[in-house]
Every structure is written in structure tokens, then in C-alpha cells.
Amino acid sequence: MLQRVTQQIDPRIPGVQPDRVRQNQTLEQKRRQTQFEQILQDKLRSQNLQFSAHAQSRLLERNINLEPEDIARLEGALDQIAEKGGKESLIVMDNVSYVVSVPNRTVITAVDEAHSNVFTNIDSAMLL
């Protein structure tokens, strides 16, 4: 009787209980989801750091020059903050503060020490 019920539910696997089939499917779905999440995170990490139009104008008007090494340091900081779950972060590097969108890997604004020192709507900070 049990074999007939099993075959009616999943005739491809005679003698296998339906709960076991569902469990294997669930494990496979979890494995695929984990692979997808890993690929997505790798792609996001491999994206270059971007600067919003606002950040670009602030860098120009405040005469803040970034060398390739500085950008690499900011990217490294973004990776570390992303691993900790940060979304909107403040990165302070060489007397310049950068507000960044971590998921978008985008610098939103840049502030040197001569300007405002109040930052709102951030969930994390990193000092380099």
C-alpha cells in the first residue's frame, strides 16, 4: 500500500518516501541559493568604486585629490564594512570623511576637516 501511495506522489522513485524527496529538494534549493548569493557577493565586490555627481563636485571644489592607492584603501574598507553588514557608512581617511553607500559601492559625499562634522543616516563608521 505504501509503495502505491509513494508511486502516485513521485512515480520516478519507487520505494522512496515523499518526505525524503522533499528534504533532498530543499537541500538542493538551499545549495543553489547559497551558490547564487556567493556569486552575487563576488560580483558586487569586484565592481569598482563609484562616485556620485555630488561627491565628484565636492571633491573638485574642496580640492581633494585621490590617488589609485587611496581608492584601493576605500575599496578595501567597503569590503570590510559589507562583510559586517553595513549599508550607509562613514569612512574617515587622511582627514577626509566619505559617506558611502556600501551595497552600491558609491561615495555619496566627501567632507574635509574644514567643513561640516555632523553626519546623519549612517549605520557604520571606519577610521583608516
C-alpha atoms as a PDB file:
ATOM      1  CA  MET A   1       0.000   0.000   0.000  1.00  0.00           C
ATOM      2  CA  LEU A   2       2.754   2.467   0.958  1.00  0.00           C
ATOM      3  CA  GLN A   3       4.588   1.766  -2.288  1.00  0.00           C
ATOM      4  CA  ARG A   4       1.476   2.579  -4.335  1.00  0.00           C
ATOM      5  CA  VAL A   5       1.000   5.878  -2.467  1.00  0.00           C
ATOM      6  CA  THR A   6       4.677   6.732  -2.995  1.00  0.00           C
ATOM      7  CA  GLN A   7       4.452   5.913  -6.682  1.00  0.00           C
ATOM      8  CA  GLN A   8       1.375   8.106  -7.032  1.00  0.00           C
ATOM      9  CA  ILE A   9       3.203  11.040  -5.463  1.00  0.00           C
ATOM     10  CA  ASP A  10       6.517  10.518  -7.278  1.00  0.00           C
ATOM     11  CA  PRO A  11       6.471   7.540  -9.656  1.00  0.00           C
ATOM     12  CA  ARG A  12      10.079   8.178 -10.758  1.00  0.00           C
ATOM     13  CA  ILE A  13      11.454   6.957  -7.431  1.00  0.00           C
ATOM     14  CA  PRO A  14       9.741   3.742  -6.383  1.00  0.00           C
ATOM     15  CA  GLY A  15      10.104   2.898  -2.702  1.00  0.00           C
ATOM     16  CA  VAL A  16      11.363   6.359  -1.680  1.00  0.00           C
ATOM     17  CA  GLN A  17       9.282   8.194   0.845  1.00  0.00           C
ATOM     18  CA  PRO A  18       7.893  11.563  -0.280  1.00  0.00           C
ATOM     19  CA  ASP A  19       9.313  13.338   2.799  1.00  0.00           C
ATOM     20  CA  ARG A  20      12.807  12.241   1.830  1.00  0.00           C
ATOM     21  CA  VAL A  21      12.296  13.547  -1.727  1.00  0.00           C
ATOM     22  CA  ARG A  22      11.112  16.909  -0.365  1.00  0.00           C
ATOM     23  CA  GLN A  23      14.068  17.066   2.026  1.00  0.00           C
ATOM     24  CA  ASN A  24      16.532  16.429  -0.812  1.00  0.00           C
ATOM     25  CA  GLN A  25      14.839  19.096  -2.940  1.00  0.00           C
ATOM     26  CA  THR A  26      15.044  21.555  -0.052  1.00  0.00           C
ATOM     27  CA  LEU A  27      18.759  20.837   0.428  1.00  0.00           C
ATOM     28  CA  GLU A  28      19.342  21.321  -3.300  1.00  0.00           C
ATOM     29  CA  GLN A  29      17.421  24.622  -3.246  1.00  0.00           C
ATOM     30  CA  LYS A  30      19.487  25.830  -0.276  1.00  0.00           C
ATOM     31  CA  ARG A  31      22.705  24.834  -2.042  1.00  0.00           C
ATOM     32  CA  ARG A  32      21.686  26.725  -5.178  1.00  0.00           C
ATOM     33  CA  GLN A  33      20.640  29.783  -3.128  1.00  0.00           C
ATOM     34  CA  THR A  34      23.994  29.749  -1.323  1.00  0.00           C
ATOM     35  CA  GLN A  35      25.852  29.498  -4.646  1.00  0.00           C
ATOM     36  CA  PHE A  36      23.812  32.384  -6.067  1.00  0.00           C
ATOM     37  CA  GLU A  37      24.457  34.548  -3.009  1.00  0.00           C
ATOM     38  CA  GLN A  38      28.197  33.825  -3.209  1.00  0.00           C
ATOM     39  CA  ILE A  39      28.332  34.689  -6.915  1.00  0.00           C
ATOM     40  CA  LEU A  40      26.357  37.880  -6.305  1.00  0.00           C
ATOM     41  CA  GLN A  41      28.647  38.951  -3.465  1.00  0.00           C
ATOM     42  CA  ASP A  42      31.733  38.237  -5.582  1.00  0.00           C
ATOM     43  CA  LYS A  43      30.328  40.332  -8.426  1.00  0.00           C
ATOM     44  CA  LEU A  44      29.468  43.191  -6.080  1.00  0.00           C
ATOM     45  CA  ARG A  45      32.945  43.106  -4.575  1.00  0.00           C
ATOM     46  CA  SER A  46      34.557  43.121  -7.996  1.00  0.00           C
ATOM     47  CA  GLN A  47      32.727  46.287  -9.005  1.00  0.00           C
ATOM     48  CA  ASN A  48      34.832  49.412  -8.989  1.00  0.00           C
ATOM     49  CA  LEU A  49      34.195  52.188  -6.540  1.00  0.00           C
ATOM     50  CA  GLN A  50      31.907  54.840  -7.993  1.00  0.00           C
ATOM     51  CA  PHE A  51      31.436  58.493  -7.125  1.00  0.00           C
ATOM     52  CA  SER A  52      28.070  60.223  -7.257  1.00  0.00           C
ATOM     53  CA  ALA A  53      27.824  63.542  -9.099  1.00  0.00           C
ATOM     54  CA  HIS A  54      27.517  65.257  -5.722  1.00  0.00           C
ATOM     55  CA  ALA A  55      30.678  63.577  -4.430  1.00  0.00           C
ATOM     56  CA  GLN A  56      32.565  64.480  -7.594  1.00  0.00           C
ATOM     57  CA  SER A  57      31.622  68.142  -7.252  1.00  0.00           C
ATOM     58  CA  ARG A  58      32.623  68.133  -3.548  1.00  0.00           C
ATOM     59  CA  LEU A  59      35.986  66.580  -4.361  1.00  0.00           C
ATOM     60  CA  LEU A  60      36.640  69.228  -7.016  1.00  0.00           C
ATOM     61  CA  GLU A  61      35.504  72.278  -5.042  1.00  0.00           C
ATOM     62  CA  ARG A  62      37.360  71.169  -1.912  1.00  0.00           C
ATOM     63  CA  ASN A  63      40.474  70.235  -3.879  1.00  0.00           C
ATOM     64  CA  ILE A  64      40.509  66.655  -2.604  1.00  0.00           C
ATOM     65  CA  ASN A  65      42.685  64.520  -4.855  1.00  0.00           C
ATOM     66  CA  LEU A  66      42.540  60.743  -4.721  1.00  0.00           C
ATOM     67  CA  GLU A  67      45.431  58.608  -5.886  1.00  0.00           C
ATOM     68  CA  PRO A  68      44.881  54.988  -7.034  1.00  0.00           C
ATOM     69  CA  GLU A  69      46.216  53.839  -3.647  1.00  0.00           C
ATOM     70  CA  ASP A  70      43.564  55.922  -1.889  1.00  0.00           C
ATOM     71  CA  ILE A  71      40.806  54.388  -3.989  1.00  0.00           C
ATOM     72  CA  ALA A  72      42.179  50.920  -3.201  1.00  0.00           C
ATOM     73  CA  ARG A  73      42.051  51.752   0.525  1.00  0.00           C
ATOM     74  CA  LEU A  74      38.438  52.929   0.203  1.00  0.00           C
ATOM     75  CA  GLU A  75      37.508  49.765  -1.703  1.00  0.00           C
ATOM     76  CA  GLY A  76      39.132  47.619   0.984  1.00  0.00           C
ATOM     77  CA  ALA A  77      37.212  49.486   3.663  1.00  0.00           C
ATOM     78  CA  LEU A  78      33.974  48.950   1.727  1.00  0.00           C
ATOM     79  CA  ASP A  79      34.646  45.214   1.562  1.00  0.00           C
ATOM     80  CA  GLN A  80      35.191  45.037   5.311  1.00  0.00           C
ATOM     81  CA  ILE A  81      32.082  47.098   6.075  1.00  0.00           C
ATOM     82  CA  ALA A  82      29.991  44.978   3.691  1.00  0.00           C
ATOM     83  CA  GLU A  83      31.126  41.814   5.483  1.00  0.00           C
ATOM     84  CA  LYS A  84      29.854  43.298   8.750  1.00  0.00           C
ATOM     85  CA  GLY A  85      26.502  44.215   7.187  1.00  0.00           C
ATOM     86  CA  GLY A  86      26.944  47.978   6.863  1.00  0.00           C
ATOM     87  CA  LYS A  87      24.717  49.814   4.386  1.00  0.00           C
ATOM     88  CA  GLU A  88      25.438  53.542   4.707  1.00  0.00           C
ATOM     89  CA  SER A  89      28.832  54.177   6.193  1.00  0.00           C
ATOM     90  CA  LEU A  90      31.255  56.914   7.130  1.00  0.00           C
ATOM     91  CA  ILE A  91      34.886  56.278   6.185  1.00  0.00           C
ATOM     92  CA  VAL A  92      37.475  58.688   7.578  1.00  0.00           C
ATOM     93  CA  MET A  93      40.776  58.626   5.718  1.00  0.00           C
ATOM     94  CA  ASP A  94      43.586  61.200   5.767  1.00  0.00           C
ATOM     95  CA  ASN A  95      41.451  63.969   7.350  1.00  0.00           C
ATOM     96  CA  VAL A  96      38.683  63.499   4.764  1.00  0.00           C
ATOM     97  CA  SER A  97      35.331  61.901   5.581  1.00  0.00           C
ATOM     98  CA  TYR A  98      33.489  59.928   2.927  1.00  0.00           C
ATOM     99  CA  VAL A  99      29.846  58.922   3.238  1.00  0.00           C
ATOM    100  CA  VAL A 100      29.369  55.790   1.172  1.00  0.00           C
ATOM    101  CA  SER A 101      26.539  53.543   0.071  1.00  0.00           C
ATOM    102  CA  VAL A 102      28.035  50.127   0.710  1.00  0.00           C
ATOM    103  CA  PRO A 103      25.664  47.984  -1.413  1.00  0.00           C
ATOM    104  CA  ASN A 104      26.059  50.359  -4.373  1.00  0.00           C
ATOM    105  CA  ARG A 105      29.802  50.820  -3.772  1.00  0.00           C
ATOM    106  CA  THR A 106      29.275  54.540  -4.273  1.00  0.00           C
ATOM    107  CA  VAL A 107      30.800  57.524  -2.496  1.00  0.00           C
ATOM    108  CA  ILE A 108      27.868  59.837  -1.778  1.00  0.00           C
ATOM    109  CA  THR A 109      29.821  62.818  -0.492  1.00  0.00           C
ATOM    110  CA  ALA A 110      33.257  63.854   0.706  1.00  0.00           C
ATOM    111  CA  VAL A 111      33.944  66.332   3.502  1.00  0.00           C
ATOM    112  CA  ASP A 112      37.328  67.682   4.536  1.00  0.00           C
ATOM    113  CA  GLU A 113      38.115  68.792   8.073  1.00  0.00           C
ATOM    114  CA  ALA A 114      37.281  72.446   7.327  1.00  0.00           C
ATOM    115  CA  HIS A 115      33.615  71.668   6.643  1.00  0.00           C
ATOM    116  CA  SER A 116      30.707  70.104   8.492  1.00  0.00           C
ATOM    117  CA  ASN A 117      31.439  67.391  11.008  1.00  0.00           C
ATOM    118  CA  VAL A 118      27.862  66.207  11.593  1.00  0.00           C
ATOM    119  CA  PHE A 119      26.836  63.043   9.769  1.00  0.00           C
ATOM    120  CA  THR A 120      23.372  61.507   9.859  1.00  0.00           C
ATOM    121  CA  ASN A 121      21.734  58.390   8.440  1.00  0.00           C
ATOM    122  CA  ILE A 122      24.805  56.181   8.724  1.00  0.00           C
ATOM    123  CA  ASP A 123      24.884  52.748  10.310  1.00  0.00           C
ATOM    124  CA  SER A 124      28.618  52.217  10.491  1.00  0.00           C
ATOM    125  CA  ALA A 125      31.947  54.020  10.521  1.00  0.00           C
ATOM    126  CA  MET A 126      35.546  53.106   9.770  1.00  0.00           C
ATOM    127  CA  LEU A 127      38.718  55.023  10.501  1.00  0.00           C
ATOM    128  CA  LEU A 128      41.649  54.370   8.175  1.00  0.00           C
END
